[in-house]
Amino acid sequence: MHADMQSSIPVSFENQLAAANALFQGNAPARAEALLRELRLRKPAREDAAMLLADVQRSLGRLGAASETLFDVCRANGFEPGLSLRGAQFARQCDRHAVAARICDGALAQGPVAPELLVLAGHVARETGDFETARARYAAALDAGIDLDRHHVLGALANTRRYVDADDADLARFAGHFADTRYSLWSRASAGFALAKAQNDLADYAAAAITLREANTMVHAARPWDAAAWGGFVAARRSESAASAGTAPEHDFVPVFVVGLPRTGTTLTATLLARAAGACDRGELRTLRYIADQLVAGGHLGSPSALAEAANLYRTLAVQDDEPAAWYLDQDPLNFRFLHIAAAMFPQARVIHLRRDPRDTALSLWSQDFAHPDLVFAYDFDDMHAYMAGHDALMQHWKQALRIPIHELDYETLVSDPEATLARLRDFIGAPARGPETGADTIGERAPVQSASVWQARQPVYSTSMGRWRHYASYVPELARFGKRN
């Protein structure tokens, strides 16, 4: 066939889609995006093109645009339930809960949907503080027969209200599932944590302790923790160093890492500081741990170019495509494991290290149903003690080895005197005091809370969690071994 005849043959949609994917994989995302936009104009209902475009946009830090792309394809398909579930999951992972809610609402308006979409809609509502809507979505999912071995809805339901009535129907439901041997140990344990939360709300500490002991035993049996591996991890971090990224500090971008043991107040601190300082709260960003894993596994800690590339990636995923801010809060508490890498990438960074009475911390950890495998130490007091020791050793090492400033913050100080504490934190990160004319509608206030602290972070600051371990002291004698904080 003649060459000019070949050039006149239209290239198929599928071939162009493959070409766009090749551009994306070949590190040419801008060209891939341009081609995908053309394809989307031709066939706006094609999910494969929309999903690829959203992946490209997300890789460029444009998570808002990526989420809107998924909303558009869901709308073009009449909010088909399966596609809507995938689209809303993507938007939620991007912390674009408003978009995820619009997708869920669009699907729900079409008629009956799978219970999995109802659960997702409940999570989206709960994580933005709309607890009544969340309860309604979870109740509908339960009525529709959601698989409770795969979806721990009862634990989520328990964290949508404070229980004041022992005859509340939720308690009977939690207790029934907790005792039902037809379900997996982990599913039953999740209901146990829900039941214990309600019992604690009702000040029935003896019953809550019994429930928690059984629930933790279940999970510990199903998901053991490797203390030796943790000890090796801590030793490895203390023995290594990271090269400087070699770039000048960018004072228009100041990452603030809010770290500490889980359940020490990192979420509350970031939420309040975002409001007080006009900072952007990115939640538990999880980017530093990804970067650290890649640098360590690849042996790149000594490479300034690799650290500079990593710093650019972190900044891209922190800044994203909404209104800019001078300070970006990363409240992933487990970032304490990689502060040497944070310091190498960003010499202008600030670290706020949360501390809390170890007995309250231990009890709070023991009271939670955590989904992430990094937190399986929380189901056994010996494991918890070993993890805390590793945390303390690493933090002591970072204070001696790193040049970035680390502000020690006691949780008890924050909740007993939040105004003065936040003023000191503003000074620490270099943020001016905010006058009433600045308003309160900040990015940080709108940040969804996906951690186990979702209920607490949406409540007014209260001090009832201080010394809570004393209610359990006679029922959980193991708490005494954690002693007071030094």
Protein backbone atom coordinates (compact mmCIF):
# COMPACT_ATOMS: atom_id res chain seq x y z
CA MET A 1 0.00 0.00 0.00
CA HIS A 2 1.27 3.46 -0.87
CA ALA A 3 2.63 5.50 2.06
CA ASP A 4 0.31 8.47 1.57
CA MET A 5 -2.68 6.09 1.43
CA GLN A 6 -1.60 4.56 4.73
CA SER A 7 -1.43 8.00 6.35
CA SER A 8 -5.01 8.71 5.34
CA ILE A 9 -6.38 5.71 7.27
CA PRO A 10 -7.82 6.88 10.62
CA VAL A 11 -6.02 5.53 13.65
CA SER A 12 -8.42 3.52 15.78
CA PHE A 13 -9.52 4.69 19.20
CA GLU A 14 -7.91 1.63 20.75
CA ASN A 15 -4.57 2.28 19.06
CA GLN A 16 -4.58 5.89 20.22
CA LEU A 17 -5.46 4.77 23.73
CA ALA A 18 -2.52 2.36 23.65
CA ALA A 19 -0.29 5.17 22.39
CA ALA A 20 -1.41 7.38 25.28
CA ASN A 21 -0.62 4.64 27.75
CA ALA A 22 2.82 4.18 26.17
CA LEU A 23 3.48 7.90 26.55
CA PHE A 24 2.45 7.76 30.19
CA GLN A 25 4.63 4.74 30.88
CA GLY A 26 7.46 6.41 28.96
CA ASN A 27 7.44 9.41 31.33
CA ALA A 28 5.68 11.79 28.96
CA PRO A 29 2.54 12.50 30.99
CA ALA A 30 1.81 15.90 29.43
CA ARG A 31 1.67 14.40 25.93
CA ALA A 32 -0.37 11.48 27.24
CA GLU A 33 -2.86 13.87 28.82
CA ALA A 34 -3.27 15.89 25.61
CA LEU A 35 -4.03 12.76 23.61
CA LEU A 36 -6.40 11.41 26.25
CA ARG A 37 -8.33 14.67 26.33
CA GLU A 38 -8.92 14.33 22.59
CA LEU A 39 -10.10 10.75 23.05
CA ARG A 40 -12.43 11.79 25.86
CA LEU A 41 -14.05 14.36 23.58
CA ARG A 42 -14.68 11.63 21.02
CA LYS A 43 -16.04 9.06 23.46
CA PRO A 44 -16.83 10.64 26.84
CA ALA A 45 -18.43 7.44 28.18
CA ARG A 46 -15.33 5.26 27.75
CA GLU A 47 -14.21 4.22 31.24
CA ASP A 48 -10.77 2.97 30.15
CA ALA A 49 -9.82 6.35 28.66
CA ALA A 50 -11.17 8.24 31.67
CA MET A 51 -9.38 6.00 34.16
CA LEU A 52 -6.08 6.38 32.32
CA LEU A 53 -6.50 10.15 32.13
CA ALA A 54 -7.26 10.26 35.85
CA ASP A 55 -4.13 8.22 36.58
CA VAL A 56 -2.06 10.62 34.48
CA GLN A 57 -3.53 13.66 36.22
CA ARG A 58 -2.98 12.12 39.65
CA SER A 59 0.68 11.43 38.81
CA LEU A 60 1.05 15.15 38.08
CA GLY A 61 -0.40 16.05 41.47
CA ARG A 62 -3.68 17.26 39.97
CA LEU A 63 -5.91 15.17 42.19
CA GLY A 64 -8.84 17.54 41.89
CA ALA A 65 -8.81 17.32 38.09
CA ALA A 66 -8.39 13.55 38.26
CA SER A 67 -11.42 13.19 40.51
CA GLU A 68 -13.51 15.45 38.27
CA THR A 69 -12.53 13.29 35.30
CA LEU A 70 -14.02 10.29 37.08
CA PHE A 71 -17.16 12.25 37.96
CA ASP A 72 -17.59 13.18 34.29
CA VAL A 73 -17.35 9.59 33.07
CA CYS A 74 -19.76 8.42 35.76
CA ARG A 75 -22.25 11.08 34.67
CA ALA A 76 -21.77 10.18 31.00
CA ASN A 77 -22.73 6.61 31.90
CA GLY A 78 -25.80 7.58 33.87
CA PHE A 79 -24.03 6.86 37.18
CA GLU A 80 -23.96 3.12 36.50
CA PRO A 81 -23.45 1.63 39.99
CA GLY A 82 -20.30 -0.43 39.33
CA LEU A 83 -18.52 2.44 37.60
CA SER A 84 -19.74 4.86 40.26
CA LEU A 85 -18.26 2.64 42.98
CA ARG A 86 -14.88 2.65 41.24
CA GLY A 87 -15.02 6.37 40.55
CA ALA A 88 -16.01 7.28 44.11
CA GLN A 89 -13.29 5.02 45.52
CA PHE A 90 -10.72 6.83 43.35
CA ALA A 91 -11.94 10.29 44.46
CA ARG A 92 -11.91 9.22 48.12
CA GLN A 93 -8.34 7.96 47.77
CA CYS A 94 -7.48 11.41 46.41
CA ASP A 95 -9.11 13.00 49.50
CA ARG A 96 -11.65 14.65 47.20
CA HIS A 97 -14.59 13.60 49.30
CA ALA A 98 -16.92 16.24 47.87
CA VAL A 99 -16.49 14.71 44.42
CA ALA A 100 -16.87 11.19 45.83
CA ALA A 101 -20.11 12.26 47.50
CA ARG A 102 -21.46 13.70 44.22
CA ILE A 103 -20.74 10.41 42.47
CA CYS A 104 -22.39 8.39 45.24
CA ASP A 105 -25.40 10.70 45.27
CA GLY A 106 -25.72 10.42 41.50
CA ALA A 107 -25.75 6.63 41.69
CA LEU A 108 -28.17 6.54 44.63
CA ALA A 109 -30.57 8.80 42.77
CA GLN A 110 -30.89 6.23 39.98
CA GLY A 111 -32.38 3.57 42.24
CA PRO A 112 -31.17 0.55 44.24
CA VAL A 113 -27.40 0.03 44.34
CA ALA A 114 -25.05 -2.65 45.62
CA PRO A 115 -24.48 -2.52 49.39
CA GLU A 116 -20.78 -1.90 48.76
CA LEU A 117 -21.62 1.51 47.30
CA LEU A 118 -23.76 2.30 50.33
CA VAL A 119 -20.82 1.47 52.59
CA LEU A 120 -18.51 3.70 50.56
CA ALA A 121 -21.06 6.52 50.71
CA GLY A 122 -21.15 6.05 54.48
CA HIS A 123 -17.37 6.26 54.74
CA VAL A 124 -17.28 9.43 52.65
CA ALA A 125 -19.92 11.07 54.84
CA ARG A 126 -18.31 9.95 58.11
CA GLU A 127 -14.84 11.14 57.12
CA THR A 128 -16.18 14.62 56.41
CA GLY A 129 -18.07 14.76 59.71
CA ASP A 130 -21.61 14.14 58.39
CA PHE A 131 -22.34 11.42 60.91
CA GLU A 132 -26.11 11.28 60.48
CA THR A 133 -25.82 10.66 56.74
CA ALA A 134 -23.11 8.09 57.43
CA ARG A 135 -25.40 6.24 59.85
CA ALA A 136 -28.19 6.17 57.29
CA ARG A 137 -25.88 4.78 54.59
CA TYR A 138 -24.46 2.11 56.90
CA ALA A 139 -27.93 1.09 58.04
CA ALA A 140 -29.04 0.73 54.43
CA ALA A 141 -25.97 -1.38 53.63
CA LEU A 142 -26.70 -3.65 56.59
CA ASP A 143 -30.31 -4.01 55.51
CA ALA A 144 -29.12 -4.85 51.99
CA GLY A 145 -26.99 -7.72 53.31
CA ILE A 146 -23.46 -6.35 53.10
CA ASP A 147 -20.77 -9.01 53.53
CA LEU A 148 -19.52 -8.32 57.06
CA ASP A 149 -16.49 -10.54 56.62
CA ARG A 150 -15.22 -8.17 53.92
CA HIS A 151 -16.62 -4.88 55.18
CA HIS A 152 -16.38 -4.05 58.88
CA VAL A 153 -19.40 -1.81 58.85
CA LEU A 154 -20.27 -2.29 62.51
CA GLY A 155 -17.01 -0.69 63.63
CA ALA A 156 -17.65 2.28 61.36
CA LEU A 157 -21.23 2.55 62.61
CA ALA A 158 -20.05 2.72 66.22
CA ASN A 159 -17.96 5.76 65.38
CA THR A 160 -20.86 7.88 64.19
CA ARG A 161 -22.34 8.65 67.63
CA ARG A 162 -21.73 8.74 71.33
CA TYR A 163 -23.91 6.13 73.05
CA VAL A 164 -26.06 7.25 75.96
CA ASP A 165 -28.61 4.42 76.19
CA ALA A 166 -27.73 0.85 77.13
CA ASP A 167 -30.85 -0.30 75.27
CA ASP A 168 -29.67 1.19 71.97
CA ALA A 169 -30.29 -1.43 69.27
CA ASP A 170 -26.71 -1.00 68.00
CA LEU A 171 -25.33 -2.67 71.14
CA ALA A 172 -27.36 -5.82 70.63
CA ARG A 173 -26.26 -5.93 67.01
CA PHE A 174 -22.60 -5.54 67.96
CA ALA A 175 -22.84 -8.20 70.66
CA GLY A 176 -24.65 -10.62 68.39
CA HIS A 177 -22.05 -10.39 65.65
CA PHE A 178 -19.19 -10.55 68.15
CA ALA A 179 -20.48 -13.92 69.36
CA ASP A 180 -21.38 -15.33 65.95
CA THR A 181 -18.84 -18.04 65.06
CA ARG A 182 -20.01 -18.14 61.44
CA TYR A 183 -17.89 -15.06 60.79
CA SER A 184 -14.11 -14.72 60.65
CA LEU A 185 -12.17 -13.85 63.80
CA TRP A 186 -11.26 -10.44 62.41
CA SER A 187 -14.86 -9.63 61.49
CA ARG A 188 -16.06 -10.67 64.93
CA ALA A 189 -13.27 -8.71 66.59
CA SER A 190 -14.29 -5.58 64.68
CA ALA A 191 -17.77 -5.91 66.17
CA GLY A 192 -16.13 -6.39 69.56
CA PHE A 193 -14.27 -3.11 69.25
CA ALA A 194 -17.55 -1.46 68.29
CA LEU A 195 -19.26 -2.96 71.34
CA ALA A 196 -16.43 -1.87 73.64
CA LYS A 197 -16.61 1.66 72.27
CA ALA A 198 -20.31 1.80 73.16
CA GLN A 199 -19.65 0.29 76.59
CA ASN A 200 -16.97 2.90 77.23
CA ASP A 201 -19.38 5.65 76.20
CA LEU A 202 -21.79 4.28 78.80
CA ALA A 203 -19.00 4.22 81.44
CA ASP A 204 -19.31 0.44 81.77
CA TYR A 205 -15.55 0.03 81.97
CA ALA A 206 -15.60 -3.48 83.41
CA ALA A 207 -17.65 -4.79 80.47
CA ALA A 208 -15.55 -2.81 77.97
CA ALA A 209 -12.35 -4.30 79.36
CA ILE A 210 -13.70 -7.85 79.03
CA THR A 211 -14.83 -7.17 75.47
CA LEU A 212 -11.53 -5.55 74.50
CA ARG A 213 -9.47 -8.39 75.92
CA GLU A 214 -11.37 -10.93 73.83
CA ALA A 215 -11.36 -8.79 70.67
CA ASN A 216 -7.63 -8.09 70.87
CA THR A 217 -6.90 -11.77 71.47
CA MET A 218 -8.83 -12.63 68.31
CA VAL A 219 -6.92 -10.20 66.11
CA HIS A 220 -3.56 -11.02 67.67
CA ALA A 221 -4.12 -14.68 66.81
CA ALA A 222 -5.08 -13.83 63.23
CA ARG A 223 -2.44 -11.13 62.61
CA PRO A 224 0.73 -11.67 64.67
CA TRP A 225 3.40 -8.96 64.86
CA ASP A 226 7.15 -9.56 64.40
CA ALA A 227 9.00 -7.79 67.20
CA ALA A 228 12.40 -8.95 65.90
CA ALA A 229 11.70 -7.40 62.49
CA TRP A 230 10.77 -4.11 64.18
CA GLY A 231 13.99 -4.16 66.17
CA GLY A 232 15.94 -4.71 62.96
CA PHE A 233 14.10 -1.87 61.27
CA VAL A 234 14.93 0.56 64.08
CA ALA A 235 18.59 -0.48 64.07
CA ALA A 236 18.81 -0.04 60.31
CA ARG A 237 17.33 3.47 60.42
CA ARG A 238 19.70 4.52 63.20
CA SER A 239 22.72 3.29 61.25
CA GLU A 240 21.96 4.96 57.93
CA SER A 241 22.12 8.52 56.66
CA ALA A 242 20.62 10.27 53.67
CA ALA A 243 22.46 12.62 51.32
CA SER A 244 21.18 16.15 50.98
CA ALA A 245 18.95 16.71 47.98
CA GLY A 246 21.37 19.51 47.11
CA THR A 247 18.73 22.10 46.39
CA ALA A 248 18.18 25.40 48.17
CA PRO A 249 15.32 25.45 50.68
CA GLU A 250 12.04 26.54 49.08
CA HIS A 251 10.52 28.89 51.61
CA ASP A 252 7.23 29.04 49.72
CA PHE A 253 6.77 25.35 50.56
CA VAL A 254 7.21 24.31 54.19
CA PRO A 255 6.19 20.74 54.98
CA VAL A 256 5.25 20.20 58.61
CA PHE A 257 5.44 16.58 59.73
CA VAL A 258 3.17 15.86 62.71
CA VAL A 259 4.49 12.58 64.09
CA GLY A 260 4.36 10.33 67.11
CA LEU A 261 2.92 7.07 68.22
CA PRO A 262 -0.58 6.49 66.87
CA ARG A 263 -3.30 7.73 69.23
CA THR A 264 -1.16 10.49 70.72
CA GLY A 265 -3.07 13.38 69.12
CA THR A 266 -1.49 13.83 65.69
CA THR A 267 -4.85 14.15 63.92
CA LEU A 268 -6.22 16.60 66.47
CA THR A 269 -3.05 18.70 66.34
CA ALA A 270 -3.03 18.93 62.55
CA THR A 271 -6.75 19.72 62.41
CA LEU A 272 -6.46 22.54 64.94
CA LEU A 273 -3.21 23.94 63.55
CA ALA A 274 -4.62 24.06 60.01
CA ARG A 275 -7.45 26.22 61.29
CA ALA A 276 -5.22 28.41 63.45
CA ALA A 277 -2.44 28.96 60.91
CA GLY A 278 -4.26 28.82 57.58
CA ALA A 279 -2.15 25.79 56.69
CA CYS A 280 -3.16 23.01 54.34
CA ASP A 281 -3.80 19.74 56.16
CA ARG A 282 -3.15 16.86 53.76
CA GLY A 283 -4.15 14.23 56.31
CA GLU A 284 -2.10 11.05 56.47
CA LEU A 285 -0.36 11.67 53.16
CA ARG A 286 1.51 8.32 53.09
CA THR A 287 3.93 9.75 50.50
CA LEU A 288 7.01 9.88 52.72
CA ARG A 289 6.76 6.20 53.58
CA TYR A 290 6.45 5.32 49.87
CA ILE A 291 9.48 7.45 49.01
CA ALA A 292 11.48 5.96 51.86
CA ASP A 293 10.67 2.41 50.81
CA GLN A 294 11.81 3.14 47.26
CA LEU A 295 15.03 4.90 48.27
CA VAL A 296 16.03 2.27 50.82
CA ALA A 297 15.15 -0.72 48.65
CA GLY A 298 17.00 0.76 45.68
CA GLY A 299 20.07 1.76 47.69
CA HIS A 300 19.62 5.42 46.71
CA LEU A 301 19.96 7.17 50.07
CA GLY A 302 23.41 8.40 49.12
CA SER A 303 22.32 9.89 45.79
CA PRO A 304 21.60 13.66 45.80
CA SER A 305 19.81 13.36 42.44
CA ALA A 306 17.54 10.61 43.76
CA LEU A 307 16.74 12.68 46.84
CA ALA A 308 16.02 15.72 44.66
CA GLU A 309 13.66 13.66 42.48
CA ALA A 310 11.97 12.33 45.60
CA ALA A 311 11.58 15.85 46.98
CA ASN A 312 9.94 16.97 43.75
CA LEU A 313 7.51 14.04 43.94
CA TYR A 314 6.62 14.80 47.55
CA ARG A 315 6.05 18.47 46.81
CA THR A 316 3.89 17.66 43.76
CA LEU A 317 1.66 15.32 45.75
CA ALA A 318 1.44 17.71 48.70
CA VAL A 319 0.68 20.91 46.76
CA GLN A 320 -1.77 19.30 44.30
CA ASP A 321 -4.12 21.51 42.29
CA ASP A 322 -6.23 23.43 44.77
CA GLU A 323 -5.54 26.79 46.38
CA PRO A 324 -1.89 27.14 47.44
CA ALA A 325 -0.66 27.43 51.01
CA ALA A 326 2.68 28.22 52.60
CA TRP A 327 2.56 25.32 55.07
CA TYR A 328 1.52 21.76 54.30
CA LEU A 329 0.70 19.50 57.23
CA ASP A 330 1.40 15.78 56.90
CA GLN A 331 -0.21 14.04 59.88
CA ASP A 332 0.91 10.47 59.17
CA PRO A 333 2.13 9.60 62.68
CA LEU A 334 4.41 6.84 61.40
CA ASN A 335 6.54 9.35 59.50
CA PHE A 336 8.69 9.32 62.64
CA ARG A 337 10.37 6.31 61.05
CA PHE A 338 11.83 8.33 58.16
CA LEU A 339 12.63 11.79 59.45
CA HIS A 340 16.21 11.57 58.14
CA ILE A 341 14.81 11.37 54.61
CA ALA A 342 12.39 14.23 55.25
CA ALA A 343 15.30 16.36 56.51
CA ALA A 344 17.45 15.47 53.50
CA MET A 345 14.72 16.50 51.06
CA PHE A 346 13.51 19.60 52.91
CA PRO A 347 15.92 21.43 55.21
CA GLN A 348 13.14 24.00 55.73
CA ALA A 349 10.78 21.34 57.13
CA ARG A 350 9.38 21.40 60.65
CA VAL A 351 8.55 18.43 62.85
CA ILE A 352 5.95 18.40 65.62
CA HIS A 353 6.39 15.36 67.82
CA LEU A 354 3.36 14.37 69.90
CA ARG A 355 3.81 12.75 73.28
CA ARG A 356 1.11 11.40 75.59
CA ASP A 357 0.90 9.52 78.87
CA PRO A 358 1.97 6.01 77.78
CA ARG A 359 -0.83 4.43 79.80
CA ASP A 360 -3.46 6.44 77.95
CA THR A 361 -1.70 5.73 74.67
CA ALA A 362 -1.61 2.00 75.35
CA LEU A 363 -5.27 1.90 76.29
CA SER A 364 -6.28 3.93 73.23
CA LEU A 365 -4.27 1.65 70.93
CA TRP A 366 -5.79 -1.43 72.58
CA SER A 367 -9.27 0.02 72.01
CA GLN A 368 -8.98 0.46 68.23
CA ASP A 369 -9.63 -1.76 65.24
CA PHE A 370 -6.82 -0.78 62.87
CA ALA A 371 -6.90 -1.78 59.22
CA HIS A 372 -3.26 -1.09 58.30
CA PRO A 373 -0.70 -3.92 58.75
CA ASP A 374 1.84 -1.45 60.18
CA LEU A 375 -0.33 -1.25 63.31
CA VAL A 376 -0.77 -4.90 64.24
CA PHE A 377 1.48 -4.34 67.26
CA ALA A 378 -1.52 -2.64 68.91
CA TYR A 379 -3.33 -5.87 69.82
CA ASP A 380 -0.88 -7.14 72.42
CA PHE A 381 0.67 -5.26 75.33
CA ASP A 382 4.11 -6.89 74.99
CA ASP A 383 4.19 -5.95 71.31
CA MET A 384 3.01 -2.46 72.15
CA HIS A 385 5.77 -2.02 74.70
CA ALA A 386 8.41 -3.14 72.17
CA TYR A 387 7.06 -0.79 69.52
CA MET A 388 7.05 2.16 71.90
CA ALA A 389 10.66 1.42 72.86
CA GLY A 390 11.67 1.48 69.19
CA HIS A 391 9.79 4.73 68.66
CA ASP A 392 11.56 6.36 71.61
CA ALA A 393 14.97 5.15 70.43
CA LEU A 394 14.42 6.52 66.92
CA MET A 395 13.15 9.88 68.11
CA GLN A 396 16.09 10.27 70.46
CA HIS A 397 18.42 9.47 67.58
CA TRP A 398 16.76 11.98 65.23
CA LYS A 399 17.01 14.75 67.81
CA GLN A 400 20.75 14.21 68.03
CA ALA A 401 21.45 13.53 64.35
CA LEU A 402 19.18 15.89 62.39
CA ARG A 403 19.32 19.63 61.92
CA ILE A 404 15.65 20.29 61.24
CA PRO A 405 13.83 21.63 64.31
CA ILE A 406 11.65 19.22 66.29
CA HIS A 407 8.99 20.65 68.60
CA GLU A 408 7.98 18.37 71.47
CA LEU A 409 4.27 18.66 72.20
CA ASP A 410 2.46 16.97 75.06
CA TYR A 411 -1.08 15.95 74.20
CA GLU A 412 -2.19 16.93 77.68
CA THR A 413 -0.91 20.48 77.15
CA LEU A 414 -2.78 20.76 73.86
CA VAL A 415 -6.16 19.74 75.26
CA SER A 416 -5.83 21.65 78.53
CA ASP A 417 -4.67 24.94 76.96
CA PRO A 418 -5.29 24.77 73.19
CA GLU A 419 -5.15 28.50 72.48
CA ALA A 420 -1.70 29.06 73.98
CA THR A 421 -0.42 25.79 72.56
CA LEU A 422 -1.54 26.68 69.05
CA ALA A 423 0.07 30.11 69.36
CA ARG A 424 3.38 28.39 70.13
CA LEU A 425 2.91 26.02 67.21
CA ARG A 426 2.23 28.93 64.86
CA ASP A 427 5.45 30.56 66.02
CA PHE A 428 7.31 27.29 65.53
CA ILE A 429 6.29 26.85 61.91
CA GLY A 430 6.59 30.58 61.18
CA ALA A 431 2.92 31.32 60.60
CA PRO A 432 1.48 34.67 61.68
CA ALA A 433 -1.51 34.92 63.95
CA ARG A 434 -4.77 34.94 62.01
CA GLY A 435 -7.20 37.76 62.60
CA PRO A 436 -10.97 37.43 62.31
CA GLU A 437 -10.87 39.02 58.87
CA THR A 438 -9.09 35.97 57.46
CA GLY A 439 -12.17 33.82 57.94
CA ALA A 440 -12.25 30.18 58.91
CA ASP A 441 -12.80 28.43 55.58
CA THR A 442 -9.36 26.93 55.08
CA ILE A 443 -8.17 23.90 53.20
CA GLY A 444 -7.16 22.38 56.49
CA GLU A 445 -10.67 22.55 57.91
CA ARG A 446 -12.06 20.81 54.87
CA ALA A 447 -9.55 17.97 55.02
CA PRO A 448 -11.28 14.63 55.50
CA VAL A 449 -10.22 12.46 58.43
CA GLN A 450 -9.59 8.85 57.41
CA SER A 451 -7.69 7.80 60.52
CA ALA A 452 -9.09 6.00 63.57
CA SER A 453 -9.51 9.46 65.13
CA VAL A 454 -12.32 10.49 62.77
CA TRP A 455 -14.94 10.84 65.53
CA GLN A 456 -12.69 12.59 68.06
CA ALA A 457 -11.24 15.04 65.54
CA ARG A 458 -14.73 16.33 64.69
CA GLN A 459 -15.68 17.02 68.33
CA PRO A 460 -14.86 20.12 70.41
CA VAL A 461 -11.54 19.85 72.25
CA TYR A 462 -12.15 17.97 75.48
CA SER A 463 -9.94 16.68 78.29
CA THR A 464 -11.88 13.56 79.30
CA SER A 465 -9.36 11.36 77.49
CA MET A 466 -6.62 12.52 79.89
CA GLY A 467 -6.10 9.86 82.53
CA ARG A 468 -8.73 7.60 80.98
CA TRP A 469 -6.54 4.61 81.80
CA ARG A 470 -7.48 4.98 85.47
CA HIS A 471 -11.01 3.79 84.69
CA TYR A 472 -9.47 0.55 83.45
CA ALA A 473 -6.60 0.15 85.92
CA SER A 474 -8.27 -2.56 88.02
CA TYR A 475 -9.52 -4.45 84.95
CA VAL A 476 -6.43 -4.12 82.76
CA PRO A 477 -3.44 -4.28 85.15
CA GLU A 478 -1.05 -4.44 82.18
CA LEU A 479 -1.47 -0.69 81.75
CA ALA A 480 0.53 0.00 84.90
CA ARG A 481 3.71 -1.36 83.35
CA PHE A 482 3.81 1.51 80.85
CA GLY A 483 4.41 4.00 83.65
CA LYS A 484 4.60 7.75 83.22
CA ARG A 485 6.30 9.60 80.39
CA ASN A 486 9.82 10.75 81.17
